[in-house]
Amino acid sequence: MIMFGLLCMAASLFPLCLKYRVVLNGERCKGKITGIVEQKCGYTVGGAAVKKHAYRIKIGQKQYYTAHGCLILPLGRKKIGKEIWVFKNEKYGREVFQCSDIRLELLSGLFLLVAVFSFSMEMIQ
């Protein structure tokens, strides 16, 4: 149970490290959503590559992609043409993070809650 708790603790901190290395070291800028692109997420489930629908953001003359995809495609298409605030850092690639998106923090909080629960169950035994 302790190993499971440590694994959940690492799973909760790793995505936050990936996001905040861009957010804290990057610049905040305004970009325009120009479209939605289907990308590979970099992992597989059941042998099939997982894909996400990311917003294509134009900042200046360069194209970037949001790190988090849009969950519901018809609602995401309504945002095409709108301007949003994003964090970008050139040395970490072409992915940007939306300023007002807290999905990653909620997911990390859920994993942290599971880790605390598994540690508390170990203490009770």
N, C-alpha and C. Protein backbone atom coordinates (compact mmCIF):
# COMPACT_ATOMS: atom_id res chain seq x y z
N MET A 1 0.82 -1.18 0.00
CA MET A 1 0.00 0.00 0.00
C MET A 1 0.88 1.26 0.00
N ILE A 2 2.02 1.17 0.65
CA ILE A 2 2.92 2.32 0.67
C ILE A 2 3.49 2.57 -0.73
N MET A 3 3.82 1.48 -1.45
CA MET A 3 4.33 1.64 -2.82
C MET A 3 3.27 2.26 -3.73
N PHE A 4 2.01 1.87 -3.54
CA PHE A 4 0.93 2.45 -4.32
C PHE A 4 0.79 3.94 -4.01
N GLY A 5 0.92 4.28 -2.71
CA GLY A 5 0.85 5.69 -2.31
C GLY A 5 1.98 6.52 -2.90
N LEU A 6 3.19 5.95 -2.91
CA LEU A 6 4.33 6.66 -3.49
C LEU A 6 4.17 6.82 -5.00
N LEU A 7 3.63 5.80 -5.65
CA LEU A 7 3.38 5.88 -7.09
C LEU A 7 2.35 6.97 -7.40
N CYS A 8 1.29 7.02 -6.60
CA CYS A 8 0.27 8.07 -6.80
C CYS A 8 0.83 9.45 -6.51
N MET A 9 1.71 9.55 -5.53
CA MET A 9 2.34 10.84 -5.21
C MET A 9 3.20 11.31 -6.39
N ALA A 10 3.98 10.40 -6.98
CA ALA A 10 4.79 10.75 -8.14
C ALA A 10 3.91 11.11 -9.33
N ALA A 11 2.80 10.37 -9.50
CA ALA A 11 1.89 10.65 -10.61
C ALA A 11 1.20 11.99 -10.43
N SER A 12 1.06 12.45 -9.21
CA SER A 12 0.42 13.76 -9.00
C SER A 12 1.40 14.92 -9.19
N LEU A 13 2.67 14.69 -8.92
CA LEU A 13 3.65 15.77 -9.02
C LEU A 13 4.28 15.91 -10.41
N PHE A 14 4.40 14.81 -11.14
CA PHE A 14 5.08 14.85 -12.44
C PHE A 14 4.38 15.76 -13.45
N PRO A 15 3.05 15.66 -13.65
CA PRO A 15 2.42 16.58 -14.62
C PRO A 15 2.52 18.05 -14.21
N LEU A 16 2.48 18.30 -12.90
CA LEU A 16 2.62 19.69 -12.44
C LEU A 16 4.01 20.23 -12.75
N CYS A 17 5.03 19.38 -12.61
CA CYS A 17 6.39 19.80 -12.96
C CYS A 17 6.50 20.13 -14.44
N LEU A 18 5.86 19.29 -15.29
CA LEU A 18 5.91 19.55 -16.72
C LEU A 18 5.22 20.86 -17.08
N LYS A 19 4.09 21.14 -16.43
CA LYS A 19 3.37 22.36 -16.75
C LYS A 19 4.08 23.59 -16.22
N TYR A 20 4.49 23.57 -14.96
CA TYR A 20 5.02 24.79 -14.35
C TYR A 20 6.44 25.11 -14.75
N ARG A 21 7.15 24.19 -15.39
CA ARG A 21 8.46 24.58 -15.95
C ARG A 21 8.24 25.51 -17.13
N VAL A 22 7.11 25.36 -17.82
CA VAL A 22 6.77 26.27 -18.91
C VAL A 22 6.14 27.54 -18.37
N VAL A 23 5.21 27.39 -17.41
CA VAL A 23 4.47 28.54 -16.90
C VAL A 23 5.40 29.51 -16.16
N LEU A 24 6.26 29.01 -15.31
CA LEU A 24 7.11 29.89 -14.50
C LEU A 24 8.29 30.46 -15.30
N ASN A 25 8.80 29.71 -16.27
CA ASN A 25 9.94 30.19 -17.04
C ASN A 25 9.55 30.79 -18.39
N GLY A 26 8.28 30.67 -18.75
CA GLY A 26 7.85 31.13 -20.06
C GLY A 26 7.28 32.53 -20.03
N GLU A 27 6.77 32.94 -21.16
CA GLU A 27 6.17 34.26 -21.25
C GLU A 27 4.68 34.11 -21.50
N ARG A 28 3.93 35.06 -20.98
CA ARG A 28 2.48 35.08 -21.16
C ARG A 28 2.18 35.94 -22.37
N CYS A 29 1.45 35.37 -23.31
CA CYS A 29 1.15 36.13 -24.52
C CYS A 29 -0.24 35.75 -25.04
N LYS A 30 -0.74 36.58 -25.91
CA LYS A 30 -2.07 36.38 -26.46
C LYS A 30 -1.94 35.70 -27.82
N GLY A 31 -2.74 34.66 -28.01
CA GLY A 31 -2.74 33.95 -29.28
C GLY A 31 -4.15 33.78 -29.80
N LYS A 32 -4.25 33.52 -31.07
CA LYS A 32 -5.56 33.34 -31.70
C LYS A 32 -5.74 31.88 -32.09
N ILE A 33 -6.89 31.31 -31.75
CA ILE A 33 -7.19 29.93 -32.10
C ILE A 33 -7.52 29.88 -33.59
N THR A 34 -6.74 29.12 -34.34
CA THR A 34 -6.95 29.04 -35.78
C THR A 34 -7.57 27.73 -36.22
N GLY A 35 -7.59 26.74 -35.36
CA GLY A 35 -8.18 25.46 -35.74
C GLY A 35 -7.97 24.41 -34.67
N ILE A 36 -8.43 23.21 -34.98
CA ILE A 36 -8.27 22.06 -34.09
C ILE A 36 -7.51 20.99 -34.85
N VAL A 37 -6.52 20.41 -34.20
CA VAL A 37 -5.65 19.42 -34.82
C VAL A 37 -5.70 18.14 -34.01
N GLU A 38 -5.68 17.01 -34.67
CA GLU A 38 -5.63 15.72 -33.98
C GLU A 38 -4.17 15.32 -33.83
N GLN A 39 -3.74 15.07 -32.59
CA GLN A 39 -2.35 14.72 -32.31
C GLN A 39 -2.28 13.43 -31.54
N LYS A 40 -1.14 12.74 -31.65
CA LYS A 40 -0.89 11.58 -30.81
C LYS A 40 -0.44 12.07 -29.44
N CYS A 41 -0.94 11.42 -28.41
CA CYS A 41 -0.59 11.83 -27.04
C CYS A 41 0.74 11.28 -26.58
N GLY A 42 1.27 10.28 -27.26
CA GLY A 42 2.56 9.73 -26.86
C GLY A 42 2.46 8.46 -26.05
N TYR A 43 1.26 7.95 -25.83
CA TYR A 43 1.11 6.69 -25.11
C TYR A 43 0.01 5.87 -25.76
N THR A 44 -0.04 4.59 -25.41
CA THR A 44 -1.03 3.69 -25.99
C THR A 44 -1.89 3.09 -24.89
N VAL A 45 -3.12 2.77 -25.23
CA VAL A 45 -4.03 2.06 -24.34
C VAL A 45 -4.55 0.85 -25.11
N GLY A 46 -4.25 -0.33 -24.61
CA GLY A 46 -4.69 -1.54 -25.29
C GLY A 46 -4.05 -1.73 -26.65
N GLY A 47 -2.87 -1.21 -26.85
CA GLY A 47 -2.16 -1.34 -28.11
C GLY A 47 -2.50 -0.28 -29.14
N ALA A 48 -3.49 0.55 -28.86
CA ALA A 48 -3.86 1.61 -29.81
C ALA A 48 -3.32 2.95 -29.32
N ALA A 49 -2.77 3.73 -30.23
CA ALA A 49 -2.24 5.05 -29.87
C ALA A 49 -3.39 5.98 -29.51
N VAL A 50 -3.23 6.69 -28.39
CA VAL A 50 -4.25 7.63 -27.93
C VAL A 50 -4.05 8.96 -28.64
N LYS A 51 -5.15 9.53 -29.12
CA LYS A 51 -5.09 10.81 -29.81
C LYS A 51 -5.88 11.85 -29.04
N LYS A 52 -5.46 13.09 -29.19
CA LYS A 52 -6.18 14.21 -28.58
C LYS A 52 -6.47 15.25 -29.64
N HIS A 53 -7.46 16.06 -29.38
CA HIS A 53 -7.79 17.17 -30.26
C HIS A 53 -7.27 18.44 -29.60
N ALA A 54 -6.20 18.99 -30.13
CA ALA A 54 -5.58 20.18 -29.55
C ALA A 54 -5.95 21.41 -30.38
N TYR A 55 -6.01 22.55 -29.69
CA TYR A 55 -6.22 23.81 -30.40
C TYR A 55 -4.93 24.21 -31.08
N ARG A 56 -5.02 24.71 -32.31
CA ARG A 56 -3.88 25.28 -33.00
C ARG A 56 -3.91 26.78 -32.72
N ILE A 57 -2.84 27.30 -32.12
CA ILE A 57 -2.76 28.68 -31.70
C ILE A 57 -1.72 29.40 -32.58
N LYS A 58 -2.07 30.57 -33.07
CA LYS A 58 -1.14 31.38 -33.85
C LYS A 58 -0.69 32.56 -33.00
N ILE A 59 0.61 32.61 -32.74
CA ILE A 59 1.22 33.71 -31.99
C ILE A 59 2.26 34.33 -32.93
N GLY A 60 2.02 35.54 -33.34
CA GLY A 60 2.90 36.17 -34.33
C GLY A 60 2.75 35.43 -35.65
N GLN A 61 3.84 34.89 -36.16
CA GLN A 61 3.81 34.13 -37.41
C GLN A 61 3.99 32.64 -37.18
N LYS A 62 4.08 32.19 -35.91
CA LYS A 62 4.32 30.79 -35.60
C LYS A 62 3.05 30.10 -35.13
N GLN A 63 2.98 28.79 -35.40
CA GLN A 63 1.85 27.97 -34.97
C GLN A 63 2.27 27.15 -33.75
N TYR A 64 1.41 27.10 -32.74
CA TYR A 64 1.63 26.32 -31.54
C TYR A 64 0.39 25.45 -31.31
N TYR A 65 0.52 24.48 -30.41
CA TYR A 65 -0.59 23.61 -30.06
C TYR A 65 -0.78 23.61 -28.55
N THR A 66 -2.03 23.56 -28.10
CA THR A 66 -2.27 23.52 -26.66
C THR A 66 -1.90 22.15 -26.12
N ALA A 67 -1.37 22.14 -24.91
CA ALA A 67 -0.98 20.89 -24.28
C ALA A 67 -2.20 20.06 -23.93
N HIS A 68 -3.29 20.71 -23.57
CA HIS A 68 -4.53 20.00 -23.26
C HIS A 68 -5.45 20.12 -24.45
N GLY A 69 -6.04 19.03 -24.83
CA GLY A 69 -6.97 19.06 -25.94
C GLY A 69 -8.33 19.58 -25.53
N CYS A 70 -9.16 19.83 -26.52
CA CYS A 70 -10.54 20.20 -26.21
C CYS A 70 -11.32 18.91 -26.01
N LEU A 71 -12.11 18.85 -24.96
CA LEU A 71 -12.80 17.63 -24.60
C LEU A 71 -13.98 17.33 -25.52
N ILE A 72 -14.79 18.32 -25.80
CA ILE A 72 -15.97 18.14 -26.63
C ILE A 72 -15.74 18.90 -27.93
N LEU A 73 -15.60 18.15 -29.01
CA LEU A 73 -15.19 18.74 -30.29
C LEU A 73 -16.16 19.80 -30.83
N PRO A 74 -17.49 19.59 -30.81
CA PRO A 74 -18.37 20.65 -31.33
C PRO A 74 -18.28 21.96 -30.54
N LEU A 75 -18.10 21.87 -29.21
CA LEU A 75 -17.93 23.09 -28.42
C LEU A 75 -16.57 23.73 -28.69
N GLY A 76 -15.56 22.91 -28.95
CA GLY A 76 -14.24 23.44 -29.26
C GLY A 76 -14.20 24.18 -30.58
N ARG A 77 -15.00 23.72 -31.53
CA ARG A 77 -15.03 24.39 -32.84
C ARG A 77 -15.62 25.80 -32.74
N LYS A 78 -16.45 26.03 -31.75
CA LYS A 78 -17.04 27.36 -31.58
C LYS A 78 -16.01 28.40 -31.14
N LYS A 79 -14.88 27.93 -30.58
CA LYS A 79 -13.84 28.84 -30.10
C LYS A 79 -12.88 29.28 -31.20
N ILE A 80 -12.98 28.69 -32.38
CA ILE A 80 -12.07 29.04 -33.47
C ILE A 80 -12.26 30.51 -33.83
N GLY A 81 -11.17 31.25 -33.88
CA GLY A 81 -11.20 32.67 -34.19
C GLY A 81 -11.09 33.56 -32.96
N LYS A 82 -11.24 32.98 -31.76
CA LYS A 82 -11.14 33.77 -30.53
C LYS A 82 -9.69 33.88 -30.08
N GLU A 83 -9.41 34.93 -29.33
CA GLU A 83 -8.07 35.12 -28.77
C GLU A 83 -8.07 34.65 -27.32
N ILE A 84 -6.99 33.96 -26.94
CA ILE A 84 -6.85 33.48 -25.57
C ILE A 84 -5.43 33.79 -25.09
N TRP A 85 -5.27 33.81 -23.77
CA TRP A 85 -3.95 34.01 -23.16
C TRP A 85 -3.32 32.64 -22.92
N VAL A 86 -2.05 32.50 -23.30
CA VAL A 86 -1.32 31.25 -23.12
C VAL A 86 0.08 31.54 -22.58
N PHE A 87 0.68 30.51 -21.99
CA PHE A 87 2.08 30.55 -21.59
C PHE A 87 2.87 29.74 -22.60
N LYS A 88 3.98 30.29 -23.09
CA LYS A 88 4.84 29.56 -24.02
C LYS A 88 6.29 29.69 -23.59
N ASN A 89 7.06 28.69 -23.93
CA ASN A 89 8.49 28.71 -23.69
C ASN A 89 9.14 28.00 -24.88
N GLU A 90 9.89 28.71 -25.65
CA GLU A 90 10.44 28.18 -26.90
C GLU A 90 11.33 26.95 -26.71
N LYS A 91 12.04 26.85 -25.60
CA LYS A 91 12.97 25.73 -25.46
C LYS A 91 12.26 24.42 -25.12
N TYR A 92 10.97 24.44 -24.79
CA TYR A 92 10.24 23.21 -24.49
C TYR A 92 9.33 22.78 -25.62
N GLY A 93 9.50 23.30 -26.78
CA GLY A 93 8.75 22.83 -27.94
C GLY A 93 7.60 23.74 -28.32
N ARG A 94 6.68 23.20 -29.10
CA ARG A 94 5.60 23.98 -29.67
C ARG A 94 4.30 23.87 -28.88
N GLU A 95 4.34 23.30 -27.68
CA GLU A 95 3.13 23.22 -26.87
C GLU A 95 3.03 24.41 -25.94
N VAL A 96 1.83 24.94 -25.82
CA VAL A 96 1.56 26.06 -24.93
C VAL A 96 0.47 25.63 -23.94
N PHE A 97 0.43 26.30 -22.81
CA PHE A 97 -0.57 26.03 -21.78
C PHE A 97 -1.50 27.22 -21.67
N GLN A 98 -2.79 26.97 -21.67
CA GLN A 98 -3.77 28.04 -21.51
C GLN A 98 -3.69 28.58 -20.09
N CYS A 99 -3.86 29.86 -19.92
CA CYS A 99 -3.73 30.49 -18.61
C CYS A 99 -4.84 30.08 -17.65
N SER A 100 -6.06 29.95 -18.14
CA SER A 100 -7.18 29.70 -17.24
C SER A 100 -7.58 28.24 -17.15
N ASP A 101 -6.76 27.32 -17.63
CA ASP A 101 -7.10 25.91 -17.64
C ASP A 101 -6.58 25.24 -16.37
N ILE A 102 -7.47 24.71 -15.54
CA ILE A 102 -7.05 24.10 -14.27
C ILE A 102 -7.27 22.59 -14.27
N ARG A 103 -7.47 21.98 -15.43
CA ARG A 103 -7.73 20.54 -15.47
C ARG A 103 -6.55 19.74 -14.93
N LEU A 104 -5.33 20.16 -15.22
CA LEU A 104 -4.16 19.43 -14.75
C LEU A 104 -4.04 19.49 -13.24
N GLU A 105 -4.35 20.63 -12.65
CA GLU A 105 -4.31 20.75 -11.20
C GLU A 105 -5.38 19.88 -10.53
N LEU A 106 -6.55 19.79 -11.14
CA LEU A 106 -7.60 18.92 -10.60
C LEU A 106 -7.20 17.45 -10.67
N LEU A 107 -6.60 17.04 -11.77
CA LEU A 107 -6.15 15.66 -11.91
C LEU A 107 -5.04 15.35 -10.90
N SER A 108 -4.12 16.26 -10.73
CA SER A 108 -3.04 16.06 -9.75
C SER A 108 -3.59 16.01 -8.33
N GLY A 109 -4.58 16.85 -8.05
CA GLY A 109 -5.22 16.82 -6.73
C GLY A 109 -5.91 15.49 -6.46
N LEU A 110 -6.51 14.92 -7.49
CA LEU A 110 -7.16 13.62 -7.35
C LEU A 110 -6.14 12.53 -7.03
N PHE A 111 -5.01 12.53 -7.75
CA PHE A 111 -3.96 11.55 -7.47
C PHE A 111 -3.36 11.77 -6.07
N LEU A 112 -3.22 13.01 -5.66
CA LEU A 112 -2.71 13.29 -4.33
C LEU A 112 -3.67 12.81 -3.26
N LEU A 113 -4.96 12.96 -3.49
CA LEU A 113 -5.97 12.47 -2.57
C LEU A 113 -5.92 10.95 -2.43
N VAL A 114 -5.72 10.25 -3.54
CA VAL A 114 -5.59 8.79 -3.51
C VAL A 114 -4.33 8.40 -2.75
N ALA A 115 -3.24 9.15 -2.93
CA ALA A 115 -2.00 8.85 -2.22
C ALA A 115 -2.18 9.04 -0.71
N VAL A 116 -2.82 10.13 -0.31
CA VAL A 116 -3.06 10.37 1.12
C VAL A 116 -3.97 9.29 1.70
N PHE A 117 -4.98 8.88 0.94
CA PHE A 117 -5.88 7.82 1.40
C PHE A 117 -5.13 6.51 1.58
N SER A 118 -4.23 6.17 0.65
CA SER A 118 -3.49 4.91 0.78
C SER A 118 -2.50 4.97 1.95
N PHE A 119 -1.88 6.15 2.19
CA PHE A 119 -1.00 6.28 3.35
C PHE A 119 -1.79 6.17 4.64
N SER A 120 -2.97 6.75 4.69
CA SER A 120 -3.78 6.68 5.92
C SER A 120 -4.28 5.26 6.17
N MET A 121 -4.59 4.51 5.12
CA MET A 121 -5.00 3.12 5.28
C MET A 121 -3.85 2.28 5.82
N GLU A 122 -2.62 2.60 5.42
CA GLU A 122 -1.45 1.89 5.92
C GLU A 122 -1.22 2.20 7.38
N MET A 123 -1.47 3.44 7.79
CA MET A 123 -1.29 3.82 9.19
C MET A 123 -2.31 3.14 10.09
N ILE A 124 -3.53 2.95 9.59
CA ILE A 124 -4.57 2.31 10.40
C ILE A 124 -4.22 0.86 10.66
N GLN A 125 -3.64 0.18 9.68
CA GLN A 125 -3.29 -1.23 9.86
C GLN A 125 -2.07 -1.30 10.72
